[in-house]
Amino acid sequence: MADVLSQAQIDALLNAVRSGDKDLENSGEKQEKKYLKYDFSSPRKFTKDRIKMLNGIFDNYSRMISTRLNARLRANCEITVESVEEQRYYEFSNALTEGDVLALTSVDIKGKEEETPVMFYISTSTALSMMDRMLGGEGAEDTNLESDYAYTDLELRLYEDLASDIISMMDRSWENYLPVHFAYTRTEVNPTLNQLIGLDETVVIVDLKLMFPNMAGHMSICLPGETLMNIFAEINRENPMRRTIGEDKSEEIFDKLRDSSLEIVAELGSTELSLSDIYHLNVGDVIDLGHPKESPIFLGIGGYHWFTGKMGTHKKNMAVKIDEVCYQLEQRSE
């Protein structure tokens, strides 16, 4: 969620500009490097690797719901992940207003349901635009929409149907890591009156940007920290040595490949004969291939030249000694 300046910070900024202590025109040239403040009393629960993993999961999720909304709303919708940040729940809760609506989602990890729900938030203007498209409208953004707008019963029903459809696709974005089932449970109207999570509890906020031809909006997903900790713990339990397992599997694949058969064709040379010449061939006849015996021959696999070698014998059998491997693509062409 975007940071909001307090009234005291706004007044201090205006006073600094009036007094000349802060020059807005040259502020970009003399901008100092900023560092994020770290709260040692409440350290971060999730590492950068975990946040990066979540970014990849929801990047995949955004592409899936983009395809679904394109078909359902009959409009070109582009959805991208703007940010994935670890925050306190009050930072998410403080940005909500009385007219906002949250879609609550249950989380089932391998048959065990989590106590705290995942929360989906779609901005009011974005939700109304999507509902307008569902009913056959153009989905134009209402610039005169009041900040305390309250959904009607019909709009709430459409909101539930839309949220349920979007939430149902989240399972597929996690299936590469762990079978996690997400299911829509209910809609929470005026979430400011209900404290679903402790205000100081850790959550991860995923902000998605929705771009339509005639409007832009956003959607946020609030993932409780305790739920994520349980998911990551289960992933670690199932894949304690993911890298080692991957190496063992590759070795197993190579073992099976070693037992498979592969046809290798040694090509001495090529020539063209008429059908009458072939008809009159007899035992002992010699066909001139135009290929000197000292020149290399080609060994083909799957119709391509992979090796060059020389003819010879091995234990009284005809054999080919490999001299060179054709690494380059142009060397393999016939």
Protein backbone atom coordinates (compact mmCIF):
# COMPACT_ATOMS: atom_id res chain seq x y z
CA MET A 1 0.00 0.00 0.00
CA ALA A 2 1.23 3.54 -0.66
CA ASP A 3 2.70 5.57 2.23
CA VAL A 4 0.51 8.44 3.47
CA LEU A 5 2.05 11.58 5.01
CA SER A 6 0.65 12.77 8.30
CA GLN A 7 -0.59 16.36 8.69
CA ALA A 8 2.48 17.20 10.79
CA GLN A 9 4.80 15.97 8.02
CA ILE A 10 2.90 17.97 5.40
CA ASP A 11 3.12 21.16 7.51
CA ALA A 12 6.85 20.64 8.10
CA LEU A 13 7.43 20.19 4.37
CA LEU A 14 5.50 23.36 3.47
CA ASN A 15 7.34 25.40 6.12
CA ALA A 16 10.69 24.17 4.81
CA VAL A 17 9.80 25.25 1.27
CA ARG A 18 8.60 28.69 2.39
CA SER A 19 11.72 29.32 4.48
CA GLY A 20 14.03 28.30 1.64
CA ASP A 21 15.53 25.38 3.52
CA LYS A 22 14.22 23.04 0.81
CA ASP A 23 14.43 23.85 -2.90
CA LEU A 24 11.94 21.76 -4.87
CA GLU A 25 13.56 22.58 -8.23
CA ASN A 26 17.00 21.36 -7.20
CA SER A 27 15.89 18.65 -4.84
CA GLY A 28 16.36 15.99 -7.54
CA GLU A 29 19.98 17.04 -8.17
CA LYS A 30 20.99 16.98 -4.51
CA GLN A 31 18.95 14.00 -3.46
CA GLU A 32 20.71 11.99 -0.83
CA LYS A 33 20.76 8.23 -0.86
CA LYS A 34 17.94 6.91 1.28
CA TYR A 35 18.14 3.84 3.46
CA LEU A 36 15.24 1.80 4.75
CA LYS A 37 14.89 1.88 8.53
CA TYR A 38 15.14 -1.51 10.18
CA ASP A 39 13.10 -2.16 13.31
CA PHE A 40 15.26 -4.38 15.53
CA SER A 41 12.40 -4.81 18.01
CA SER A 42 10.35 -6.59 15.33
CA PRO A 43 12.72 -8.17 12.80
CA ARG A 44 11.63 -9.38 9.41
CA LYS A 45 10.21 -12.88 9.31
CA PHE A 46 10.74 -13.54 5.61
CA THR A 47 14.04 -13.47 3.76
CA LYS A 48 14.60 -11.89 0.37
CA ASP A 49 14.52 -15.35 -1.21
CA ARG A 50 11.05 -15.98 0.23
CA ILE A 51 9.78 -12.61 -1.00
CA LYS A 52 11.31 -13.31 -4.40
CA MET A 53 9.55 -16.68 -4.48
CA LEU A 54 6.22 -15.03 -3.65
CA ASN A 55 6.86 -12.47 -6.38
CA GLY A 56 7.27 -15.27 -8.90
CA ILE A 57 4.16 -17.10 -7.67
CA PHE A 58 1.94 -14.03 -7.96
CA ASP A 59 3.50 -13.00 -11.25
CA ASN A 60 2.27 -16.33 -12.59
CA TYR A 61 -1.08 -15.80 -10.84
CA SER A 62 -1.51 -12.35 -12.41
CA ARG A 63 -1.08 -13.83 -15.89
CA MET A 64 -3.70 -16.51 -15.20
CA ILE A 65 -6.38 -14.13 -13.89
CA SER A 66 -5.57 -11.71 -16.72
CA THR A 67 -6.51 -14.42 -19.21
CA ARG A 68 -9.67 -15.26 -17.25
CA LEU A 69 -10.80 -11.62 -17.01
CA ASN A 70 -10.10 -11.03 -20.70
CA ALA A 71 -12.64 -13.71 -21.55
CA ARG A 72 -15.16 -12.87 -18.85
CA LEU A 73 -15.18 -9.09 -19.22
CA ARG A 74 -14.69 -9.11 -23.01
CA ALA A 75 -11.90 -6.57 -22.71
CA ASN A 76 -8.13 -6.50 -22.91
CA CYS A 77 -6.94 -6.56 -19.30
CA GLU A 78 -3.27 -6.44 -18.34
CA ILE A 79 -2.38 -7.32 -14.74
CA THR A 80 1.10 -6.88 -13.27
CA VAL A 81 2.64 -7.27 -9.81
CA GLU A 82 3.59 -3.85 -8.47
CA SER A 83 5.07 -4.92 -5.13
CA VAL A 84 5.37 -7.75 -2.62
CA GLU A 85 6.17 -6.34 0.82
CA GLU A 86 6.26 -7.56 4.39
CA GLN A 87 4.31 -5.18 6.63
CA ARG A 88 2.28 -4.99 9.82
CA TYR A 89 -1.44 -5.55 9.49
CA TYR A 90 -2.28 -2.05 10.71
CA GLU A 91 -0.51 -0.62 7.63
CA PHE A 92 -2.98 -2.52 5.45
CA SER A 93 -5.98 -1.84 7.72
CA ASN A 94 -5.35 1.91 8.01
CA ALA A 95 -5.59 2.32 4.22
CA LEU A 96 -9.14 0.89 4.16
CA THR A 97 -12.29 3.01 4.45
CA GLU A 98 -15.79 2.24 5.70
CA GLY A 99 -17.11 1.68 2.19
CA ASP A 100 -14.46 -0.88 1.23
CA VAL A 101 -15.22 -4.58 0.90
CA LEU A 102 -12.90 -7.52 1.58
CA ALA A 103 -13.26 -11.03 0.19
CA LEU A 104 -12.12 -13.56 2.80
CA THR A 105 -10.46 -16.76 1.66
CA SER A 106 -9.83 -19.98 3.56
CA VAL A 107 -6.48 -21.71 3.13
CA ASP A 108 -6.14 -25.48 3.22
CA ILE A 109 -2.60 -26.91 3.42
CA LYS A 110 -2.60 -30.64 2.75
CA GLY A 111 -5.99 -31.15 4.42
CA LYS A 112 -5.40 -28.79 7.34
CA GLU A 113 -7.31 -25.51 7.27
CA GLU A 114 -5.61 -22.37 8.59
CA GLU A 115 -7.37 -20.25 11.20
CA THR A 116 -6.58 -16.86 9.68
CA PRO A 117 -8.08 -16.08 6.26
CA VAL A 118 -6.34 -14.49 3.29
CA MET A 119 -7.92 -11.13 2.36
CA PHE A 120 -8.58 -9.87 -1.16
CA TYR A 121 -9.23 -6.20 -1.70
CA ILE A 122 -10.35 -4.65 -4.99
CA SER A 123 -10.61 -0.86 -5.06
CA THR A 124 -14.20 0.34 -5.30
CA SER A 125 -13.78 2.13 -8.64
CA THR A 126 -12.08 -0.93 -10.14
CA ALA A 127 -14.74 -3.32 -8.87
CA LEU A 128 -17.59 -1.13 -10.16
CA SER A 129 -15.93 -0.86 -13.56
CA MET A 130 -15.57 -4.65 -13.77
CA MET A 131 -19.21 -5.13 -12.72
CA ASP A 132 -20.30 -2.68 -15.41
CA ARG A 133 -18.48 -4.78 -18.01
CA MET A 134 -20.06 -7.97 -16.65
CA LEU A 135 -23.49 -6.39 -17.25
CA GLY A 136 -22.62 -5.33 -20.81
CA GLY A 137 -21.37 -1.81 -20.19
CA GLU A 138 -18.16 -0.09 -21.29
CA GLY A 139 -16.59 -0.15 -17.83
CA ALA A 140 -15.70 3.55 -17.83
CA GLU A 141 -14.32 4.88 -14.55
CA ASP A 142 -16.73 7.02 -12.51
CA THR A 143 -14.80 10.20 -11.69
CA ASN A 144 -17.60 11.46 -9.42
CA LEU A 145 -17.56 8.39 -7.17
CA GLU A 146 -17.85 9.30 -3.49
CA SER A 147 -15.14 8.10 -1.12
CA ASP A 148 -17.73 6.55 1.24
CA TYR A 149 -19.66 4.81 -1.54
CA ALA A 150 -21.62 1.78 -0.27
CA TYR A 151 -22.27 -1.24 -2.49
CA THR A 152 -25.87 -2.19 -3.23
CA ASP A 153 -27.10 -5.75 -2.62
CA LEU A 154 -26.88 -6.53 -6.34
CA GLU A 155 -23.34 -5.13 -6.55
CA LEU A 156 -22.31 -7.19 -3.52
CA ARG A 157 -23.63 -10.33 -5.21
CA LEU A 158 -21.65 -9.53 -8.37
CA TYR A 159 -18.60 -8.73 -6.24
CA GLU A 160 -18.83 -12.15 -4.55
CA ASP A 161 -19.14 -13.92 -7.90
CA LEU A 162 -16.16 -12.04 -9.33
CA ALA A 163 -13.98 -12.54 -6.24
CA SER A 164 -14.85 -16.24 -6.05
CA ASP A 165 -13.78 -16.71 -9.68
CA ILE A 166 -10.47 -14.89 -9.19
CA ILE A 167 -9.67 -16.72 -5.94
CA SER A 168 -10.39 -20.16 -7.44
CA MET A 169 -7.37 -19.79 -9.75
CA MET A 170 -4.83 -19.26 -6.98
CA ASP A 171 -4.34 -23.00 -6.37
CA ARG A 172 -2.57 -23.41 -9.73
CA SER A 173 0.00 -20.71 -8.95
CA TRP A 174 1.23 -22.70 -5.90
CA GLU A 175 1.13 -26.21 -7.36
CA ASN A 176 4.82 -26.16 -8.35
CA TYR A 177 5.76 -25.84 -4.66
CA LEU A 178 2.95 -27.30 -2.58
CA PRO A 179 -0.71 -28.34 -2.99
CA VAL A 180 -2.49 -25.41 -1.31
CA HIS A 181 -6.25 -24.94 -1.71
CA PHE A 182 -7.82 -21.48 -1.56
CA ALA A 183 -11.60 -21.14 -1.31
CA TYR A 184 -13.82 -18.05 -1.09
CA THR A 185 -15.74 -18.00 2.21
CA ARG A 186 -17.53 -14.69 2.62
CA THR A 187 -17.50 -10.95 1.95
CA GLU A 188 -16.64 -8.55 4.77
CA VAL A 189 -18.43 -5.20 4.48
CA ASN A 190 -16.87 -2.26 6.34
CA PRO A 191 -13.70 -4.08 7.45
CA THR A 192 -12.70 -1.17 9.70
CA LEU A 193 -15.20 -2.42 12.32
CA ASN A 194 -13.84 -5.99 12.38
CA GLN A 195 -10.32 -6.83 13.45
CA LEU A 196 -9.54 -10.01 11.54
CA ILE A 197 -5.85 -10.09 12.56
CA GLY A 198 -3.90 -8.46 15.36
CA LEU A 199 -2.78 -4.99 14.32
CA ASP A 200 0.88 -5.77 14.97
CA GLU A 201 0.78 -9.15 13.25
CA THR A 202 3.12 -9.65 10.30
CA VAL A 203 1.51 -9.89 6.86
CA VAL A 204 2.73 -9.85 3.27
CA ILE A 205 0.89 -7.43 0.99
CA VAL A 206 0.81 -8.19 -2.74
CA ASP A 207 -0.25 -5.19 -4.85
CA LEU A 208 -1.51 -5.90 -8.37
CA LYS A 209 -2.10 -3.24 -11.01
CA LEU A 210 -5.02 -3.73 -13.43
CA MET A 211 -4.95 -1.93 -16.76
CA PHE A 212 -8.08 -1.72 -18.93
CA PRO A 213 -8.44 0.24 -22.19
CA ASN A 214 -10.37 3.05 -20.48
CA MET A 215 -9.32 2.82 -16.82
CA ALA A 216 -6.64 1.64 -14.40
CA GLY A 217 -7.14 0.16 -10.96
CA HIS A 218 -5.51 -2.01 -8.34
CA MET A 219 -6.09 -5.07 -6.23
CA SER A 220 -4.33 -6.10 -3.02
CA ILE A 221 -3.90 -9.51 -1.40
CA CYS A 222 -3.12 -9.68 2.32
CA LEU A 223 -1.35 -12.92 3.29
CA PRO A 224 -1.13 -13.57 7.06
CA GLY A 225 2.42 -14.19 8.22
CA GLU A 226 1.46 -17.25 10.27
CA THR A 227 -0.14 -18.89 7.24
CA LEU A 228 2.92 -18.22 5.12
CA MET A 229 5.21 -19.60 7.82
CA ASN A 230 3.20 -22.84 7.81
CA ILE A 231 3.35 -23.03 4.01
CA PHE A 232 7.12 -22.46 3.91
CA ALA A 233 7.65 -24.98 6.72
CA GLU A 234 5.71 -27.59 4.72
CA ILE A 235 7.74 -26.78 1.59
CA ASN A 236 10.98 -27.24 3.54
CA ARG A 237 9.68 -30.50 4.99
CA GLU A 238 8.87 -31.91 1.57
CA ASN A 239 12.05 -30.61 -0.07
CA PRO A 240 14.79 -30.61 2.61
CA MET A 241 17.54 -30.99 0.02
CA ARG A 242 15.95 -29.75 -3.16
CA ARG A 243 19.23 -29.31 -4.99
CA THR A 244 20.50 -32.75 -4.07
CA ILE A 245 17.23 -34.36 -5.12
CA GLY A 246 17.47 -32.62 -8.47
CA GLU A 247 20.96 -33.99 -9.02
CA ASP A 248 19.86 -37.52 -8.07
CA LYS A 249 17.00 -37.34 -10.54
CA SER A 250 19.28 -36.20 -13.32
CA GLU A 251 21.62 -39.11 -12.62
CA GLU A 252 18.66 -41.48 -12.71
CA ILE A 253 17.61 -40.08 -16.08
CA PHE A 254 21.12 -40.60 -17.46
CA ASP A 255 21.13 -44.19 -16.18
CA LYS A 256 17.99 -44.90 -18.19
CA LEU A 257 19.41 -43.17 -21.24
CA ARG A 258 22.54 -45.33 -21.06
CA ASP A 259 20.40 -48.46 -21.41
CA SER A 260 18.51 -47.13 -24.43
CA SER A 261 19.50 -47.99 -28.00
CA LEU A 262 20.48 -45.38 -30.57
CA GLU A 263 21.05 -45.94 -34.28
CA ILE A 264 24.31 -44.52 -35.64
CA VAL A 265 24.81 -44.57 -39.41
CA ALA A 266 28.29 -44.41 -40.94
CA GLU A 267 28.12 -42.80 -44.37
CA LEU A 268 30.95 -43.77 -46.75
CA GLY A 269 29.73 -41.55 -49.56
CA SER A 270 26.85 -41.00 -51.97
CA THR A 271 26.25 -41.28 -55.70
CA GLU A 272 23.41 -41.43 -58.19
CA LEU A 273 22.63 -44.44 -60.39
CA SER A 274 20.01 -44.93 -63.03
CA LEU A 275 17.42 -47.62 -62.50
CA SER A 276 18.82 -49.66 -65.40
CA ASP A 277 22.32 -49.62 -63.83
CA ILE A 278 20.91 -50.85 -60.53
CA TYR A 279 18.99 -53.58 -62.37
CA HIS A 280 22.18 -54.92 -64.02
CA LEU A 281 24.34 -54.91 -60.88
CA ASN A 282 26.02 -58.23 -60.08
CA VAL A 283 28.14 -59.60 -57.25
CA GLY A 284 31.66 -58.21 -57.51
CA ASP A 285 30.70 -55.00 -59.31
CA VAL A 286 32.33 -51.79 -58.04
CA ILE A 287 30.43 -48.53 -57.57
CA ASP A 288 32.55 -45.37 -57.63
CA LEU A 289 31.43 -43.10 -54.76
CA GLY A 290 33.93 -40.36 -55.64
CA HIS A 291 35.22 -40.55 -52.08
CA PRO A 292 38.97 -41.17 -51.53
CA LYS A 293 39.67 -43.87 -48.96
CA GLU A 294 41.89 -41.51 -46.88
CA SER A 295 39.14 -38.87 -46.53
CA PRO A 296 36.98 -38.88 -43.37
CA ILE A 297 33.51 -40.40 -43.27
CA PHE A 298 30.48 -39.07 -41.43
CA LEU A 299 28.53 -40.72 -38.61
CA GLY A 300 24.91 -39.59 -38.55
CA ILE A 301 22.33 -39.62 -35.74
CA GLY A 302 18.73 -38.74 -36.49
CA GLY A 303 19.61 -37.53 -39.99
CA TYR A 304 22.39 -35.16 -38.85
CA HIS A 305 26.18 -35.46 -38.93
CA TRP A 306 27.47 -35.69 -35.36
CA PHE A 307 30.95 -37.21 -35.81
CA THR A 308 33.68 -37.64 -38.41
CA GLY A 309 35.94 -40.68 -38.45
CA LYS A 310 38.03 -43.14 -40.42
CA MET A 311 37.25 -46.64 -41.61
CA GLY A 312 39.18 -49.54 -40.13
CA THR A 313 38.86 -52.88 -38.39
CA HIS A 314 38.49 -53.92 -34.77
CA LYS A 315 38.82 -57.57 -33.78
CA LYS A 316 38.35 -58.55 -37.44
CA ASN A 317 35.15 -56.49 -37.68
CA MET A 318 34.53 -53.37 -39.75
CA ALA A 319 34.78 -50.33 -37.47
CA VAL A 320 34.94 -46.54 -37.52
CA LYS A 321 37.39 -44.55 -35.42
CA ILE A 322 35.91 -41.20 -34.32
CA ASP A 323 38.23 -38.28 -35.02
CA GLU A 324 36.08 -35.20 -34.39
CA VAL A 325 32.74 -34.20 -32.82
CA CYS A 326 30.61 -31.77 -34.83
CA TYR A 327 29.71 -29.25 -32.13
CA GLN A 328 28.58 -26.46 -34.44
CA LEU A 329 25.14 -26.58 -36.07
CA GLU A 330 26.54 -25.82 -39.52
CA GLN A 331 28.88 -28.82 -39.18
CA ARG A 332 25.93 -31.13 -38.56
CA SER A 333 23.95 -30.16 -41.65
CA GLU A 334 23.99 -32.63 -44.47
